[in-house]
PDB file of N, CA and C in Angstrom:
ATOM      1  N   MET A   1      -1.877   1.848  10.522  1.00  0.00           N
ATOM      2  CA  MET A   1      -2.053   0.351   9.951  1.00  0.00           C
ATOM      3  C   MET A   1      -2.347  -0.711  11.059  1.00  0.00           C
ATOM      4  N   GLN A   2      -3.626  -0.984  10.585  1.00  0.00           N
ATOM      5  CA  GLN A   2      -4.312  -1.768  11.971  1.00  0.00           C
ATOM      6  C   GLN A   2      -3.690  -3.254  11.470  1.00  0.00           C
ATOM      7  N   LEU A   3      -2.265  -3.567  12.447  1.00  0.00           N
ATOM      8  CA  LEU A   3      -2.100  -4.804  12.287  1.00  0.00           C
ATOM      9  C   LEU A   3      -2.492  -5.935  12.787  1.00  0.00           C
ATOM     10  N   TYR A   4      -3.079  -6.209  13.504  1.00  0.00           N
ATOM     11  CA  TYR A   4      -4.246  -7.430  14.353  1.00  0.00           C
ATOM     12  C   TYR A   4      -4.691  -8.031  13.224  1.00  0.00           C
ATOM     13  N   PRO A   5      -5.526  -8.084  12.697  1.00  0.00           N
ATOM     14  CA  PRO A   5      -5.834  -8.704  11.470  1.00  0.00           C
ATOM     15  C   PRO A   5      -4.689  -9.385  10.790  1.00  0.00           C
ATOM     16  N   LEU A   6      -3.577  -8.859  10.121  1.00  0.00           N
ATOM     17  CA  LEU A   6      -2.129  -9.014   9.701  1.00  0.00           C
ATOM     18  C   LEU A   6      -1.838 -10.950  10.129  1.00  0.00           C
ATOM     19  N   PHE A   7      -1.497 -10.612  11.551  1.00  0.00           N
ATOM     20  CA  PHE A   7      -1.487 -11.860  11.744  1.00  0.00           C
ATOM     21  C   PHE A   7      -2.623 -12.909  12.146  1.00  0.00           C
ATOM     22  N   LYS A   8      -3.879 -12.910  11.651  1.00  0.00           N
ATOM     23  CA  LYS A   8      -4.674 -13.738  11.325  1.00  0.00           C
ATOM     24  C   LYS A   8      -4.755 -14.242   9.998  1.00  0.00           C
ATOM     25  N   SER A   9      -4.083 -13.187   9.404  1.00  0.00           N
ATOM     26  CA  SER A   9      -4.107 -13.802   7.779  1.00  0.00           C
ATOM     27  C   SER A   9      -3.145 -14.863   7.328  1.00  0.00           C
ATOM     28  N   ARG A  10      -3.152 -15.291   6.820  1.00  0.00           N
ATOM     29  CA  ARG A  10      -1.765 -16.273   5.686  1.00  0.00           C
ATOM     30  C   ARG A  10      -0.886 -15.096   5.390  1.00  0.00           C
ATOM     31  N   LYS A  11      -1.441 -13.757   5.408  1.00  0.00           N
ATOM     32  CA  LYS A  11      -0.448 -13.393   4.437  1.00  0.00           C
ATOM     33  C   LYS A  11       1.003 -12.743   5.223  1.00  0.00           C
ATOM     34  N   ILE A  12       1.146 -12.799   6.686  1.00  0.00           N
ATOM     35  CA  ILE A  12       2.231 -12.656   7.665  1.00  0.00           C
ATOM     36  C   ILE A  12       3.148 -13.780   7.156  1.00  0.00           C
ATOM     37  N   ILE A  13       2.762 -15.043   6.741  1.00  0.00           N
ATOM     38  CA  ILE A  13       3.869 -15.863   6.088  1.00  0.00           C
ATOM     39  C   ILE A  13       4.388 -15.332   4.918  1.00  0.00           C
ATOM     40  N   ASN A  14       4.459 -14.770   4.517  1.00  0.00           N
ATOM     41  CA  ASN A  14       4.832 -13.428   2.733  1.00  0.00           C
ATOM     42  C   ASN A  14       5.726 -13.122   3.900  1.00  0.00           C
ATOM     43  N   VAL A  15       5.501 -11.818   4.762  1.00  0.00           N
ATOM     44  CA  VAL A  15       6.142 -11.092   5.790  1.00  0.00           C
ATOM     45  C   VAL A  15       6.994 -11.885   6.203  1.00  0.00           C
ATOM     46  N   ILE A  16       6.683 -12.791   6.512  1.00  0.00           N
ATOM     47  CA  ILE A  16       8.419 -13.487   7.712  1.00  0.00           C
ATOM     48  C   ILE A  16       8.763 -14.293   6.427  1.00  0.00           C
ATOM     49  N   SER A  17       8.680 -15.104   5.669  1.00  0.00           N
ATOM     50  CA  SER A  17       9.407 -15.352   4.385  1.00  0.00           C
ATOM     51  C   SER A  17      10.594 -14.197   4.411  1.00  0.00           C
ATOM     52  N   THR A  18       9.376 -12.936   3.564  1.00  0.00           N
ATOM     53  CA  THR A  18      10.552 -12.112   2.955  1.00  0.00           C
ATOM     54  C   THR A  18      11.575 -11.336   3.912  1.00  0.00           C
ATOM     55  N   ALA A  19      11.417 -11.255   4.749  1.00  0.00           N
ATOM     56  CA  ALA A  19      11.987 -11.246   5.960  1.00  0.00           C
ATOM     57  C   ALA A  19      13.555 -11.585   6.548  1.00  0.00           C
ATOM     58  N   LYS A  20      13.004 -13.157   6.076  1.00  0.00           N
ATOM     59  CA  LYS A  20      14.137 -14.096   6.429  1.00  0.00           C
ATOM     60  C   LYS A  20      15.205 -13.449   5.179  1.00  0.00           C
ATOM     61  N   THR A  21      14.961 -13.916   4.018  1.00  0.00           N
ATOM     62  CA  THR A  21      15.026 -14.154   2.648  1.00  0.00           C
ATOM     63  C   THR A  21      16.440 -12.696   3.084  1.00  0.00           C
ATOM     64  N   PHE A  22      15.614 -11.539   2.679  1.00  0.00           N
ATOM     65  CA  PHE A  22      16.481 -10.154   2.260  1.00  0.00           C
ATOM     66  C   PHE A  22      17.213  -9.847   3.977  1.00  0.00           C
ATOM     67  N   GLY A  23      17.450 -10.938   5.335  1.00  0.00           N
ATOM     68  CA  GLY A  23      17.434 -10.489   6.499  1.00  0.00           C
ATOM     69  C   GLY A  23      17.403  -9.337   7.340  1.00  0.00           C
ATOM     70  N   CYS A  24      16.293  -8.729   7.322  1.00  0.00           N
ATOM     71  CA  CYS A  24      15.859  -7.900   7.585  1.00  0.00           C
ATOM     72  C   CYS A  24      14.584  -8.077   8.601  1.00  0.00           C
ATOM     73  N   ARG A  25      14.171  -7.294   9.576  1.00  0.00           N
ATOM     74  CA  ARG A  25      13.530  -7.344  10.698  1.00  0.00           C
ATOM     75  C   ARG A  25      11.848  -7.314   9.986  1.00  0.00           C
ATOM     76  N   PRO A  26      10.881  -7.834  10.195  1.00  0.00           N
ATOM     77  CA  PRO A  26       9.388  -8.222   9.549  1.00  0.00           C
ATOM     78  C   PRO A  26       9.086  -6.728  10.160  1.00  0.00           C
ATOM     79  N   SER A  27       9.421  -5.991  10.951  1.00  0.00           N
ATOM     80  CA  SER A  27       8.556  -5.109  11.113  1.00  0.00           C
ATOM     81  C   SER A  27       9.614  -3.744  10.324  1.00  0.00           C
ATOM     82  N   ASP A  28      10.352  -4.139   9.608  1.00  0.00           N
ATOM     83  CA  ASP A  28      11.496  -3.371   8.333  1.00  0.00           C
ATOM     84  C   ASP A  28       9.879  -3.231   7.112  1.00  0.00           C
ATOM     85  N   ILE A  29       9.464  -4.875   6.838  1.00  0.00           N
ATOM     86  CA  ILE A  29       9.305  -4.939   5.639  1.00  0.00           C
ATOM     87  C   ILE A  29       7.742  -4.684   5.821  1.00  0.00           C
ATOM     88  N   LEU A  30       6.845  -4.105   6.969  1.00  0.00           N
ATOM     89  CA  LEU A  30       6.049  -3.525   7.028  1.00  0.00           C
ATOM     90  C   LEU A  30       5.421  -2.104   6.883  1.00  0.00           C
ATOM     91  N   GLY A  31       7.212  -1.606   6.975  1.00  0.00           N
ATOM     92  CA  GLY A  31       6.971   0.199   7.110  1.00  0.00           C
ATOM     93  C   GLY A  31       6.858   0.674   8.336  1.00  0.00           C
ATOM     94  N   ILE A  32       7.120  -0.098   9.455  1.00  0.00           N
ATOM     95  CA  ILE A  32       6.886   0.829  10.732  1.00  0.00           C
ATOM     96  C   ILE A  32       7.838   2.165  10.971  1.00  0.00           C
ATOM     97  N   GLU A  33       7.963   2.592  11.419  1.00  0.00           N
ATOM     98  CA  GLU A  33       9.219   3.764  12.059  1.00  0.00           C
ATOM     99  C   GLU A  33      10.044   3.543  12.947  1.00  0.00           C
ATOM    100  N   ASP A  34      10.858   4.321  12.691  1.00  0.00           N
ATOM    101  CA  ASP A  34      12.377   3.659  13.694  1.00  0.00           C
ATOM    102  C   ASP A  34      12.159   3.928  15.007  1.00  0.00           C
ATOM    103  N   ASP A  35      11.052   5.172  15.258  1.00  0.00           N
ATOM    104  CA  ASP A  35      11.261   5.859  16.421  1.00  0.00           C
ATOM    105  C   ASP A  35      10.045   5.047  16.871  1.00  0.00           C
ATOM    106  N   ASP A  36       9.665   4.333  16.562  1.00  0.00           N
ATOM    107  CA  ASP A  36       8.517   3.021  17.351  1.00  0.00           C
ATOM    108  C   ASP A  36       8.748   2.240  17.520  1.00  0.00           C
ATOM    109  N   ILE A  37       9.793   2.234  18.701  1.00  0.00           N
ATOM    110  CA  ILE A  37      10.279   0.934  19.154  1.00  0.00           C
ATOM    111  C   ILE A  37       9.751   0.067  19.580  1.00  0.00           C
ATOM    112  N   TYR A  38       8.351   0.020  20.623  1.00  0.00           N
ATOM    113  CA  TYR A  38       7.883  -0.849  21.469  1.00  0.00           C
ATOM    114  C   TYR A  38       6.646  -1.681  20.048  1.00  0.00           C
ATOM    115  N   ALA A  39       6.637  -1.262  19.484  1.00  0.00           N
ATOM    116  CA  ALA A  39       5.524  -1.528  18.183  1.00  0.00           C
ATOM    117  C   ALA A  39       6.339  -2.311  17.213  1.00  0.00           C
ATOM    118  N   ARG A  40       7.776  -1.945  17.017  1.00  0.00           N
ATOM    119  CA  ARG A  40       8.460  -2.539  16.265  1.00  0.00           C
ATOM    120  C   ARG A  40       8.716  -3.952  16.479  1.00  0.00           C
ATOM    121  N   TYR A  41       8.730  -3.990  18.122  1.00  0.00           N
ATOM    122  CA  TYR A  41       9.300  -5.277  18.986  1.00  0.00           C
ATOM    123  C   TYR A  41       8.285  -6.048  18.684  1.00  0.00           C
ATOM    124  N   CYS A  42       6.876  -5.766  19.348  1.00  0.00           N
ATOM    125  CA  CYS A  42       5.916  -6.452  19.207  1.00  0.00           C
ATOM    126  C   CYS A  42       5.440  -7.423  18.137  1.00  0.00           C
ATOM    127  N   ILE A  43       5.796  -6.570  17.088  1.00  0.00           N
ATOM    128  CA  ILE A  43       5.801  -6.860  15.742  1.00  0.00           C
ATOM    129  C   ILE A  43       6.901  -8.292  15.511  1.00  0.00           C
ATOM    130  N   ASP A  44       8.011  -7.661  15.887  1.00  0.00           N
ATOM    131  CA  ASP A  44       8.838  -8.480  15.256  1.00  0.00           C
ATOM    132  C   ASP A  44       8.740  -9.965  16.176  1.00  0.00           C
ATOM    133  N   GLU A  45       8.397  -9.590  17.427  1.00  0.00           N
ATOM    134  CA  GLU A  45       8.003 -10.730  18.414  1.00  0.00           C
ATOM    135  C   GLU A  45       7.453 -12.079  17.764  1.00  0.00           C
ATOM    136  N   ALA A  46       6.200 -11.083  18.096  1.00  0.00           N
ATOM    137  CA  ALA A  46       5.415 -12.070  17.300  1.00  0.00           C
ATOM    138  C   ALA A  46       5.212 -12.482  16.306  1.00  0.00           C
ATOM    139  N   CYS A  47       6.034 -12.309  15.288  1.00  0.00           N
ATOM    140  CA  CYS A  47       6.440 -13.130  13.487  1.00  0.00           C
ATOM    141  C   CYS A  47       7.280 -14.009  14.475  1.00  0.00           C
ATOM    142  N   THR A  48       8.166 -13.160  15.029  1.00  0.00           N
ATOM    143  CA  THR A  48       9.923 -14.852  14.983  1.00  0.00           C
ATOM    144  C   THR A  48       8.316 -16.015  16.152  1.00  0.00           C
ATOM    145  N   TYR A  49       7.496 -15.915  17.022  1.00  0.00           N
ATOM    146  CA  TYR A  49       6.895 -16.902  17.969  1.00  0.00           C
ATOM    147  C   TYR A  49       5.791 -17.807  16.763  1.00  0.00           C
ATOM    148  N   LEU A  50       4.850 -16.865  15.939  1.00  0.00           N
ATOM    149  CA  LEU A  50       4.769 -17.795  14.986  1.00  0.00           C
ATOM    150  C   LEU A  50       5.732 -18.339  14.018  1.00  0.00           C
ATOM    151  N   TYR A  51       6.752 -18.198  13.203  1.00  0.00           N
ATOM    152  CA  TYR A  51       7.664 -18.756  12.907  1.00  0.00           C
ATOM    153  C   TYR A  51       8.451 -20.314  13.351  1.00  0.00           C
ATOM    154  N   ASN A  52       8.887 -19.810  14.997  1.00  0.00           N
ATOM    155  CA  ASN A  52       8.846 -20.889  15.932  1.00  0.00           C
ATOM    156  C   ASN A  52       7.917 -22.182  16.060  1.00  0.00           C
ATOM    157  N   ARG A  53       6.853 -21.546  16.473  1.00  0.00           N
ATOM    158  CA  ARG A  53       5.646 -22.634  16.579  1.00  0.00           C
ATOM    159  C   ARG A  53       5.904 -23.564  15.101  1.00  0.00           C
ATOM    160  N   MET A  54       6.349 -23.320  14.357  1.00  0.00           N
ATOM    161  CA  MET A  54       5.521 -23.799  12.445  1.00  0.00           C
ATOM    162  C   MET A  54       7.369 -24.743  12.742  1.00  0.00           C
ATOM    163  N   GLN A  55       8.093 -24.322  13.426  1.00  0.00           N
ATOM    164  CA  GLN A  55       9.524 -25.124  12.621  1.00  0.00           C
ATOM    165  C   GLN A  55       9.127 -26.634  13.722  1.00  0.00           C
ATOM    166  N   PRO A  56       9.582 -27.800  13.320  1.00  0.00           N
ATOM    167  CA  PRO A  56       9.356 -29.219  13.239  1.00  0.00           C
ATOM    168  C   PRO A  56      10.057 -29.292  14.872  1.00  0.00           C
ATOM    169  N   ASN A  57       9.958 -29.774  15.800  1.00  0.00           N
ATOM    170  CA  ASN A  57      10.066 -30.417  17.496  1.00  0.00           C
ATOM    171  C   ASN A  57      11.055 -31.544  17.528  1.00  0.00           C
ATOM    172  N   LYS A  58      11.197 -32.017  18.102  1.00  0.00           N
ATOM    173  CA  LYS A  58      12.822 -32.740  18.304  1.00  0.00           C
ATOM    174  C   LYS A  58      11.942 -34.537  17.699  1.00  0.00           C
ATOM    175  N   ASP A  59      10.494 -34.272  17.762  1.00  0.00           N
ATOM    176  CA  ASP A  59       9.952 -35.163  16.820  1.00  0.00           C
ATOM    177  C   ASP A  59      10.149 -35.137  16.132  1.00  0.00           C
ATOM    178  N   GLY A  60      10.243 -33.819  14.836  1.00  0.00           N
ATOM    179  CA  GLY A  60      10.040 -33.867  13.542  1.00  0.00           C
ATOM    180  C   GLY A  60       8.242 -33.499  13.672  1.00  0.00           C
ATOM    181  N   LYS A  61       8.053 -32.805  14.384  1.00  0.00           N
ATOM    182  CA  LYS A  61       6.547 -32.906  14.109  1.00  0.00           C
ATOM    183  C   LYS A  61       6.401 -31.001  14.354  1.00  0.00           C
ATOM    184  N   SER A  62       5.808 -30.607  13.669  1.00  0.00           N
ATOM    185  CA  SER A  62       5.154 -29.102  13.726  1.00  0.00           C
ATOM    186  C   SER A  62       3.897 -28.723  13.490  1.00  0.00           C
ATOM    187  N   GLU A  63       3.448 -27.689  13.926  1.00  0.00           N
ATOM    188  CA  GLU A  63       2.244 -27.119  13.773  1.00  0.00           C
ATOM    189  C   GLU A  63       2.127 -26.463  12.834  1.00  0.00           C
ATOM    190  N   LYS A  64       0.631 -26.454  12.275  1.00  0.00           N
ATOM    191  CA  LYS A  64      -0.213 -25.661  11.386  1.00  0.00           C
ATOM    192  C   LYS A  64      -0.962 -24.793  11.701  1.00  0.00           C
ATOM    193  N   PRO A  65      -0.102 -23.507  12.129  1.00  0.00           N
ATOM    194  CA  PRO A  65      -1.067 -22.155  12.365  1.00  0.00           C
ATOM    195  C   PRO A  65      -2.914 -22.536  11.314  1.00  0.00           C
ATOM    196  N   THR A  66      -4.162 -21.974  11.915  1.00  0.00           N
ATOM    197  CA  THR A  66      -5.151 -22.016  11.356  1.00  0.00           C
ATOM    198  C   THR A  66      -5.477 -20.019  11.442  1.00  0.00           C
ATOM    199  N   PHE A  67      -5.422 -19.790   9.721  1.00  0.00           N
ATOM    200  CA  PHE A  67      -5.380 -18.791   9.596  1.00  0.00           C
ATOM    201  C   PHE A  67      -7.112 -18.047   9.103  1.00  0.00           C
ATOM    202  N   ILE A  68      -7.097 -17.256   9.205  1.00  0.00           N
ATOM    203  CA  ILE A  68      -9.178 -16.655   8.828  1.00  0.00           C
ATOM    204  C   ILE A  68      -9.045 -16.989   7.729  1.00  0.00           C
ATOM    205  N   GLU A  69      -7.867 -17.340   6.716  1.00  0.00           N
ATOM    206  CA  GLU A  69      -8.964 -17.568   4.937  1.00  0.00           C
ATOM    207  C   GLU A  69      -9.279 -19.399   5.371  1.00  0.00           C
ATOM    208  N   ASP A  70      -8.398 -20.092   5.951  1.00  0.00           N
ATOM    209  CA  ASP A  70      -8.944 -21.131   6.282  1.00  0.00           C
ATOM    210  C   ASP A  70     -10.157 -21.897   6.591  1.00  0.00           C
ATOM    211  N   ILE A  71     -10.587 -20.543   7.865  1.00  0.00           N
ATOM    212  CA  ILE A  71     -11.628 -21.000   8.435  1.00  0.00           C
ATOM    213  C   ILE A  71     -12.677 -20.498   6.995  1.00  0.00           C
ATOM    214  N   GLN A  72     -12.707 -19.256   6.838  1.00  0.00           N
ATOM    215  CA  GLN A  72     -13.852 -18.712   5.893  1.00  0.00           C
ATOM    216  C   GLN A  72     -13.984 -20.195   4.324  1.00  0.00           C
ATOM    217  N   GLU A  73     -12.923 -20.725   4.188  1.00  0.00           N
ATOM    218  CA  GLU A  73     -12.844 -21.883   2.899  1.00  0.00           C
ATOM    219  C   GLU A  73     -13.974 -22.811   3.426  1.00  0.00           C
ATOM    220  N   SER A  74     -13.833 -23.583   4.865  1.00  0.00           N
ATOM    221  CA  SER A  74     -14.210 -24.140   5.576  1.00  0.00           C
ATOM    222  C   SER A  74     -15.703 -24.352   5.502  1.00  0.00           C
ATOM    223  N   LYS A  75     -16.283 -25.323   4.463  1.00  0.00           N
ATOM    224  CA  LYS A  75     -18.013 -24.916   4.637  1.00  0.00           C
ATOM    225  C   LYS A  75     -18.198 -25.551   5.835  1.00  0.00           C
ATOM    226  N   HIS A  76     -18.186 -26.045   6.612  1.00  0.00           N
ATOM    227  CA  HIS A  76     -18.162 -27.071   8.083  1.00  0.00           C
ATOM    228  C   HIS A  76     -17.832 -26.532   9.191  1.00  0.00           C
ATOM    229  N   HIS A  77     -17.663 -24.956   9.305  1.00  0.00           N
ATOM    230  CA  HIS A  77     -16.636 -24.636  10.118  1.00  0.00           C
ATOM    231  C   HIS A  77     -17.455 -24.138  11.001  1.00  0.00           C
ATOM    232  N   ASN A  78     -17.277 -24.994  12.328  1.00  0.00           N
ATOM    233  CA  ASN A  78     -18.134 -24.124  13.834  1.00  0.00           C
ATOM    234  C   ASN A  78     -17.213 -23.689  15.182  1.00  0.00           C
ATOM    235  N   PRO A  79     -17.500 -22.649  14.791  1.00  0.00           N
ATOM    236  CA  PRO A  79     -16.765 -21.534  16.294  1.00  0.00           C
ATOM    237  C   PRO A  79     -17.309 -22.411  17.678  1.00  0.00           C
ATOM    238  N   GLY A  80     -18.454 -22.983  17.733  1.00  0.00           N
ATOM    239  CA  GLY A  80     -18.691 -23.560  18.512  1.00  0.00           C
ATOM    240  C   GLY A  80     -17.895 -24.898  19.052  1.00  0.00           C
ATOM    241  N   LEU A  81     -17.966 -26.027  18.727  1.00  0.00           N
ATOM    242  CA  LEU A  81     -17.494 -26.964  18.227  1.00  0.00           C
ATOM    243  C   LEU A  81     -15.644 -26.635  18.912  1.00  0.00           C
ATOM    244  N   ASP A  82     -14.767 -25.841  17.580  1.00  0.00           N
ATOM    245  CA  ASP A  82     -13.474 -25.619  17.880  1.00  0.00           C
ATOM    246  C   ASP A  82     -13.438 -25.558  19.082  1.00  0.00           C
ATOM    247  N   LEU A  83     -14.251 -24.357  20.020  1.00  0.00           N
ATOM    248  CA  LEU A  83     -14.126 -23.749  21.018  1.00  0.00           C
ATOM    249  C   LEU A  83     -13.838 -24.521  22.131  1.00  0.00           C
ATOM    250  N   LEU A  84     -14.961 -26.468  22.267  1.00  0.00           N
ATOM    251  CA  LEU A  84     -14.917 -27.081  22.991  1.00  0.00           C
ATOM    252  C   LEU A  84     -13.809 -28.270  22.561  1.00  0.00           C
ATOM    253  N   MET A  85     -13.476 -27.845  21.534  1.00  0.00           N
ATOM    254  CA  MET A  85     -12.326 -29.012  21.325  1.00  0.00           C
ATOM    255  C   MET A  85     -10.834 -28.933  21.727  1.00  0.00           C
ATOM    256  N   ASN A  86     -10.858 -27.550  21.401  1.00  0.00           N
ATOM    257  CA  ASN A  86      -9.253 -26.429  21.678  1.00  0.00           C
ATOM    258  C   ASN A  86      -9.407 -26.961  23.198  1.00  0.00           C
TER     259      ASN A  86
END
């Protein structure tokens, strides 16, 4: 299973939400084998990082992640301009 595209997709939010709802790890939802400890750790860590970035900070502001679907839906996407602006 190639996981990197999953983290670029809005679908990862569904994985995080389902894991939180059922009280399990995102790597469990994705079916990563128990003996692949490092892969499980990396997936769970990436999901936790994304989830925490989306939570409101002390000022009540949160970050909205940009997913590949958002870029493809945009008719005025300019990667060069995005690179300069970020």
